[in-house]
Amino acid sequence: MHKAHKDRRNRGKMKIDWEKTGGLLPVVVQDVASSEVLMLAYMDEEALNLSLETGFAHYFSRTKNRIWKKGEQSGNVQKIEDAYLDCDNDTLLIKVEQKGGTACHTGAKSCFFRKIADA
């Protein structure tokens, strides 16, 4: 990973509550330059370790029941710039450089492009 957030209180050690999350950690993915939320995905422990080791986002597909590297087919990989664990140790925020300009499988920049009317 290019940069890493180091919380002085825990010296950067992540103490993820895997039991609480049922083995799958929700991951909010944000564009590092614009702060736009690109997608929500899930990581199991192996996907998290792969992501931290390689510097590129890997997720666990609940549909395919396997780990996949974001952009493995499209080339739209996500280079991880920062990662933050929330205060409850059960959700991750990663800030990425989105290669190829699109995060969504539909071709949209973000997976959050459908506004709910009058929300």
N, C-alpha and C. Protein backbone atom coordinates (compact mmCIF):
# COMPACT_ATOMS: atom_id res chain seq x y z
N MET A 1 0.85 -1.16 0.00
CA MET A 1 0.00 0.00 0.00
C MET A 1 0.90 1.22 0.00
N HIS A 2 0.54 2.22 -0.82
CA HIS A 2 1.35 3.42 -0.97
C HIS A 2 1.49 4.18 0.34
N LYS A 3 0.35 4.52 0.96
CA LYS A 3 0.34 5.22 2.23
C LYS A 3 -0.52 4.42 3.20
N ALA A 4 -0.23 4.50 4.45
CA ALA A 4 -1.04 3.79 5.44
C ALA A 4 -1.37 4.73 6.59
N HIS A 5 -2.62 4.72 7.00
CA HIS A 5 -3.05 5.52 8.14
C HIS A 5 -2.61 4.80 9.41
N LYS A 6 -1.91 5.50 10.26
CA LYS A 6 -1.45 4.92 11.51
C LYS A 6 -2.15 5.63 12.67
N ASP A 7 -3.06 4.95 13.32
CA ASP A 7 -3.73 5.48 14.50
C ASP A 7 -2.77 5.36 15.67
N ARG A 8 -2.45 6.47 16.29
CA ARG A 8 -1.46 6.47 17.38
C ARG A 8 -1.89 5.61 18.56
N ARG A 9 -3.20 5.47 18.75
CA ARG A 9 -3.67 4.69 19.90
C ARG A 9 -3.44 3.20 19.73
N ASN A 10 -3.44 2.70 18.49
CA ASN A 10 -3.21 1.26 18.31
C ASN A 10 -2.04 0.97 17.39
N ARG A 11 -1.26 1.99 17.10
CA ARG A 11 -0.05 1.87 16.29
C ARG A 11 -0.29 1.16 14.96
N GLY A 12 -1.47 1.40 14.37
CA GLY A 12 -1.75 0.88 13.04
C GLY A 12 -2.22 -0.56 13.01
N LYS A 13 -2.29 -1.22 14.16
CA LYS A 13 -2.72 -2.62 14.18
C LYS A 13 -4.24 -2.68 14.04
N MET A 14 -4.69 -3.50 13.12
CA MET A 14 -6.13 -3.66 12.92
C MET A 14 -6.62 -4.84 13.75
N LYS A 15 -7.63 -4.60 14.52
CA LYS A 15 -8.22 -5.65 15.34
C LYS A 15 -9.66 -5.84 14.87
N ILE A 16 -9.79 -6.44 13.72
CA ILE A 16 -11.11 -6.60 13.10
C ILE A 16 -11.91 -7.64 13.85
N ASP A 17 -13.17 -7.33 14.09
CA ASP A 17 -14.08 -8.25 14.76
C ASP A 17 -14.72 -9.14 13.71
N TRP A 18 -13.99 -10.18 13.28
CA TRP A 18 -14.47 -11.07 12.21
C TRP A 18 -15.71 -11.84 12.63
N GLU A 19 -15.84 -12.15 13.92
CA GLU A 19 -17.03 -12.86 14.40
C GLU A 19 -18.27 -12.00 14.21
N LYS A 20 -18.15 -10.75 14.58
CA LYS A 20 -19.28 -9.81 14.49
C LYS A 20 -19.74 -9.64 13.05
N THR A 21 -18.80 -9.70 12.10
CA THR A 21 -19.14 -9.47 10.70
C THR A 21 -19.51 -10.75 9.96
N GLY A 22 -19.50 -11.88 10.65
CA GLY A 22 -19.82 -13.14 10.00
C GLY A 22 -18.75 -13.55 8.99
N GLY A 23 -17.54 -13.05 9.19
CA GLY A 23 -16.44 -13.39 8.31
C GLY A 23 -16.31 -12.51 7.08
N LEU A 24 -17.26 -11.61 6.87
CA LEU A 24 -17.20 -10.69 5.73
C LEU A 24 -17.25 -9.25 6.23
N LEU A 25 -16.23 -8.50 5.89
CA LEU A 25 -16.10 -7.12 6.32
C LEU A 25 -16.66 -6.19 5.25
N PRO A 26 -17.67 -5.36 5.56
CA PRO A 26 -18.13 -4.37 4.59
C PRO A 26 -17.02 -3.36 4.32
N VAL A 27 -16.86 -3.00 3.04
CA VAL A 27 -15.80 -2.08 2.64
C VAL A 27 -16.41 -0.95 1.82
N VAL A 28 -16.32 0.27 2.33
CA VAL A 28 -16.73 1.45 1.59
C VAL A 28 -15.51 1.88 0.78
N VAL A 29 -15.71 2.06 -0.53
CA VAL A 29 -14.60 2.40 -1.42
C VAL A 29 -14.79 3.83 -1.91
N GLN A 30 -13.79 4.66 -1.68
CA GLN A 30 -13.87 6.08 -1.98
C GLN A 30 -12.72 6.49 -2.89
N ASP A 31 -13.03 7.36 -3.86
CA ASP A 31 -12.00 7.91 -4.74
C ASP A 31 -11.09 8.83 -3.93
N VAL A 32 -9.79 8.58 -3.98
CA VAL A 32 -8.85 9.34 -3.16
C VAL A 32 -8.79 10.82 -3.57
N ALA A 33 -8.98 11.12 -4.84
CA ALA A 33 -8.88 12.50 -5.32
C ALA A 33 -10.16 13.30 -5.08
N SER A 34 -11.32 12.71 -5.37
CA SER A 34 -12.58 13.45 -5.30
C SER A 34 -13.39 13.19 -4.04
N SER A 35 -13.05 12.15 -3.29
CA SER A 35 -13.80 11.69 -2.11
C SER A 35 -15.16 11.10 -2.47
N GLU A 36 -15.45 10.90 -3.74
CA GLU A 36 -16.70 10.29 -4.17
C GLU A 36 -16.72 8.82 -3.73
N VAL A 37 -17.87 8.39 -3.21
CA VAL A 37 -18.03 6.97 -2.88
C VAL A 37 -18.23 6.21 -4.18
N LEU A 38 -17.38 5.23 -4.42
CA LEU A 38 -17.42 4.47 -5.67
C LEU A 38 -18.25 3.21 -5.56
N MET A 39 -18.14 2.52 -4.45
CA MET A 39 -18.85 1.24 -4.32
C MET A 39 -18.82 0.77 -2.88
N LEU A 40 -19.63 -0.24 -2.60
CA LEU A 40 -19.59 -0.97 -1.35
C LEU A 40 -19.32 -2.42 -1.71
N ALA A 41 -18.35 -3.02 -1.07
CA ALA A 41 -18.01 -4.41 -1.35
C ALA A 41 -17.72 -5.10 -0.02
N TYR A 42 -17.29 -6.35 -0.11
CA TYR A 42 -16.98 -7.13 1.08
C TYR A 42 -15.62 -7.79 0.93
N MET A 43 -14.92 -7.92 2.05
CA MET A 43 -13.65 -8.65 2.09
C MET A 43 -13.73 -9.69 3.18
N ASP A 44 -13.21 -10.87 2.88
CA ASP A 44 -12.94 -11.81 3.95
C ASP A 44 -11.49 -11.60 4.36
N GLU A 45 -11.00 -12.36 5.30
CA GLU A 45 -9.65 -12.13 5.80
C GLU A 45 -8.60 -12.32 4.71
N GLU A 46 -8.80 -13.31 3.85
CA GLU A 46 -7.84 -13.56 2.77
C GLU A 46 -7.83 -12.40 1.76
N ALA A 47 -9.00 -11.89 1.41
CA ALA A 47 -9.08 -10.76 0.47
C ALA A 47 -8.41 -9.52 1.06
N LEU A 48 -8.61 -9.30 2.35
CA LEU A 48 -7.97 -8.16 3.01
C LEU A 48 -6.46 -8.31 2.98
N ASN A 49 -5.97 -9.49 3.30
CA ASN A 49 -4.53 -9.72 3.29
C ASN A 49 -3.95 -9.54 1.89
N LEU A 50 -4.63 -10.05 0.87
CA LEU A 50 -4.17 -9.86 -0.52
C LEU A 50 -4.13 -8.38 -0.88
N SER A 51 -5.15 -7.66 -0.47
CA SER A 51 -5.23 -6.22 -0.76
C SER A 51 -4.07 -5.47 -0.12
N LEU A 52 -3.80 -5.78 1.13
CA LEU A 52 -2.73 -5.10 1.85
C LEU A 52 -1.35 -5.49 1.31
N GLU A 53 -1.20 -6.74 0.91
CA GLU A 53 0.09 -7.22 0.39
C GLU A 53 0.40 -6.66 -0.99
N THR A 54 -0.63 -6.58 -1.86
CA THR A 54 -0.40 -6.17 -3.25
C THR A 54 -0.60 -4.68 -3.49
N GLY A 55 -1.40 -4.02 -2.62
CA GLY A 55 -1.72 -2.61 -2.82
C GLY A 55 -2.87 -2.40 -3.79
N PHE A 56 -3.51 -3.50 -4.21
CA PHE A 56 -4.67 -3.42 -5.10
C PHE A 56 -5.85 -4.11 -4.44
N ALA A 57 -7.05 -3.55 -4.63
CA ALA A 57 -8.24 -4.05 -3.95
C ALA A 57 -8.66 -5.42 -4.45
N HIS A 58 -8.86 -6.32 -3.50
CA HIS A 58 -9.42 -7.65 -3.73
C HIS A 58 -10.66 -7.76 -2.85
N TYR A 59 -11.70 -8.34 -3.37
CA TYR A 59 -12.95 -8.46 -2.63
C TYR A 59 -13.43 -9.90 -2.63
N PHE A 60 -14.40 -10.18 -1.75
CA PHE A 60 -15.04 -11.48 -1.74
C PHE A 60 -16.40 -11.34 -2.40
N SER A 61 -16.63 -12.09 -3.46
CA SER A 61 -17.91 -12.07 -4.15
C SER A 61 -18.88 -13.01 -3.45
N ARG A 62 -19.96 -12.45 -2.93
CA ARG A 62 -20.98 -13.27 -2.27
C ARG A 62 -21.75 -14.08 -3.30
N THR A 63 -21.84 -13.58 -4.53
CA THR A 63 -22.54 -14.29 -5.60
C THR A 63 -21.74 -15.48 -6.10
N LYS A 64 -20.46 -15.25 -6.36
CA LYS A 64 -19.60 -16.31 -6.91
C LYS A 64 -18.88 -17.11 -5.83
N ASN A 65 -19.00 -16.65 -4.58
CA ASN A 65 -18.37 -17.32 -3.45
C ASN A 65 -16.87 -17.50 -3.63
N ARG A 66 -16.22 -16.42 -4.06
CA ARG A 66 -14.77 -16.47 -4.27
C ARG A 66 -14.18 -15.07 -4.18
N ILE A 67 -12.87 -15.02 -4.04
CA ILE A 67 -12.14 -13.76 -4.02
C ILE A 67 -11.87 -13.33 -5.46
N TRP A 68 -11.98 -12.03 -5.70
CA TRP A 68 -11.67 -11.49 -7.03
C TRP A 68 -10.93 -10.17 -6.86
N LYS A 69 -10.02 -9.94 -7.77
CA LYS A 69 -9.30 -8.67 -7.81
C LYS A 69 -10.15 -7.70 -8.62
N LYS A 70 -10.45 -6.55 -8.05
CA LYS A 70 -11.23 -5.55 -8.77
C LYS A 70 -10.50 -5.20 -10.06
N GLY A 71 -11.21 -5.32 -11.18
CA GLY A 71 -10.63 -5.00 -12.48
C GLY A 71 -9.91 -6.17 -13.14
N GLU A 72 -10.05 -7.38 -12.58
CA GLU A 72 -9.32 -8.53 -13.13
C GLU A 72 -9.72 -8.81 -14.57
N GLN A 73 -10.94 -8.46 -14.96
CA GLN A 73 -11.36 -8.65 -16.35
C GLN A 73 -11.38 -7.34 -17.13
N SER A 74 -11.84 -6.27 -16.49
CA SER A 74 -12.01 -4.99 -17.18
C SER A 74 -10.72 -4.17 -17.25
N GLY A 75 -9.81 -4.42 -16.35
CA GLY A 75 -8.61 -3.60 -16.25
C GLY A 75 -8.80 -2.38 -15.36
N ASN A 76 -10.01 -2.17 -14.85
CA ASN A 76 -10.31 -1.02 -13.99
C ASN A 76 -9.96 -1.34 -12.54
N VAL A 77 -8.66 -1.50 -12.30
CA VAL A 77 -8.20 -1.87 -10.97
C VAL A 77 -8.26 -0.69 -10.01
N GLN A 78 -8.22 -1.00 -8.73
CA GLN A 78 -8.23 0.02 -7.70
C GLN A 78 -6.94 -0.06 -6.90
N LYS A 79 -6.12 0.97 -7.04
CA LYS A 79 -4.86 1.06 -6.30
C LYS A 79 -5.16 1.69 -4.94
N ILE A 80 -4.88 0.97 -3.89
CA ILE A 80 -5.20 1.43 -2.54
C ILE A 80 -4.18 2.47 -2.09
N GLU A 81 -4.70 3.63 -1.69
CA GLU A 81 -3.85 4.71 -1.18
C GLU A 81 -3.90 4.79 0.35
N ASP A 82 -5.07 4.57 0.94
CA ASP A 82 -5.25 4.61 2.39
C ASP A 82 -6.33 3.63 2.79
N ALA A 83 -6.26 3.15 4.02
CA ALA A 83 -7.28 2.25 4.56
C ALA A 83 -7.54 2.63 6.01
N TYR A 84 -8.82 2.65 6.38
CA TYR A 84 -9.23 3.04 7.73
C TYR A 84 -10.23 2.02 8.26
N LEU A 85 -10.05 1.60 9.49
CA LEU A 85 -11.00 0.74 10.17
C LEU A 85 -11.88 1.63 11.05
N ASP A 86 -13.18 1.37 11.03
CA ASP A 86 -14.09 2.23 11.81
C ASP A 86 -13.96 1.95 13.31
N CYS A 87 -14.64 2.77 14.09
CA CYS A 87 -14.53 2.73 15.55
C CYS A 87 -15.06 1.44 16.17
N ASP A 88 -15.91 0.71 15.46
CA ASP A 88 -16.45 -0.55 15.97
C ASP A 88 -15.68 -1.77 15.47
N ASN A 89 -14.63 -1.54 14.69
CA ASN A 89 -13.78 -2.61 14.15
C ASN A 89 -14.54 -3.59 13.26
N ASP A 90 -15.58 -3.08 12.56
CA ASP A 90 -16.36 -3.99 11.72
C ASP A 90 -16.68 -3.44 10.33
N THR A 91 -16.07 -2.34 9.95
CA THR A 91 -16.25 -1.77 8.62
C THR A 91 -14.95 -1.10 8.20
N LEU A 92 -14.62 -1.24 6.93
CA LEU A 92 -13.39 -0.67 6.40
C LEU A 92 -13.73 0.41 5.38
N LEU A 93 -12.95 1.47 5.37
CA LEU A 93 -13.00 2.50 4.34
C LEU A 93 -11.66 2.45 3.63
N ILE A 94 -11.70 2.26 2.30
CA ILE A 94 -10.45 2.35 1.56
C ILE A 94 -10.57 3.49 0.55
N LYS A 95 -9.48 4.23 0.44
CA LYS A 95 -9.39 5.32 -0.54
C LYS A 95 -8.49 4.81 -1.65
N VAL A 96 -9.00 4.88 -2.87
CA VAL A 96 -8.31 4.26 -4.00
C VAL A 96 -8.10 5.24 -5.14
N GLU A 97 -7.10 4.92 -5.94
CA GLU A 97 -6.96 5.55 -7.25
C GLU A 97 -7.64 4.58 -8.21
N GLN A 98 -8.76 5.02 -8.78
CA GLN A 98 -9.54 4.17 -9.68
C GLN A 98 -8.94 4.23 -11.07
N LYS A 99 -8.36 3.15 -11.52
CA LYS A 99 -7.79 3.08 -12.87
C LYS A 99 -8.92 2.84 -13.87
N GLY A 100 -8.82 3.44 -15.03
CA GLY A 100 -9.83 3.25 -16.07
C GLY A 100 -11.06 4.12 -15.92
N GLY A 101 -11.17 4.82 -14.79
CA GLY A 101 -12.25 5.79 -14.62
C GLY A 101 -13.60 5.23 -14.21
N THR A 102 -13.77 3.90 -14.16
CA THR A 102 -15.06 3.35 -13.77
C THR A 102 -14.89 2.27 -12.71
N ALA A 103 -15.76 2.33 -11.70
CA ALA A 103 -15.76 1.32 -10.64
C ALA A 103 -16.91 0.34 -10.81
N CYS A 104 -18.00 0.79 -11.41
CA CYS A 104 -19.21 -0.03 -11.51
C CYS A 104 -19.16 -0.95 -12.73
N HIS A 105 -19.71 -2.15 -12.56
CA HIS A 105 -19.76 -3.10 -13.68
C HIS A 105 -20.65 -2.63 -14.82
N THR A 106 -21.48 -1.60 -14.56
CA THR A 106 -22.35 -1.04 -15.61
C THR A 106 -21.60 -0.07 -16.52
N GLY A 107 -20.39 0.29 -16.11
CA GLY A 107 -19.61 1.28 -16.85
C GLY A 107 -19.66 2.66 -16.24
N ALA A 108 -20.46 2.82 -15.19
CA ALA A 108 -20.55 4.11 -14.49
C ALA A 108 -19.33 4.29 -13.59
N LYS A 109 -18.99 5.54 -13.33
CA LYS A 109 -17.85 5.83 -12.45
C LYS A 109 -18.09 5.26 -11.06
N SER A 110 -19.29 5.45 -10.54
CA SER A 110 -19.66 4.99 -9.21
C SER A 110 -20.84 4.04 -9.30
N CYS A 111 -20.94 3.12 -8.37
CA CYS A 111 -22.11 2.23 -8.32
C CYS A 111 -23.34 2.97 -7.78
N PHE A 112 -23.13 4.16 -7.23
CA PHE A 112 -24.23 4.94 -6.65
C PHE A 112 -24.63 6.05 -7.61
N PHE A 113 -25.38 5.68 -8.65
CA PHE A 113 -25.79 6.66 -9.65
C PHE A 113 -27.31 6.73 -9.81
N ARG A 114 -28.05 5.89 -9.10
CA ARG A 114 -29.51 5.91 -9.19
C ARG A 114 -30.10 6.57 -7.95
N LYS A 115 -30.57 7.79 -8.12
CA LYS A 115 -31.14 8.54 -7.00
C LYS A 115 -32.55 8.04 -6.71
N ILE A 116 -32.84 7.90 -5.43
CA ILE A 116 -34.19 7.55 -5.01
C ILE A 116 -34.99 8.84 -4.96
N ALA A 117 -36.08 8.89 -5.69
CA ALA A 117 -36.89 10.11 -5.79
C ALA A 117 -37.38 10.54 -4.42
N ASP A 118 -37.29 11.83 -4.16
CA ASP A 118 -37.81 12.46 -2.94
C ASP A 118 -37.25 11.86 -1.66
N ALA A 119 -36.06 11.35 -1.71
CA ALA A 119 -35.46 10.76 -0.49
C ALA A 119 -34.92 11.85 0.40
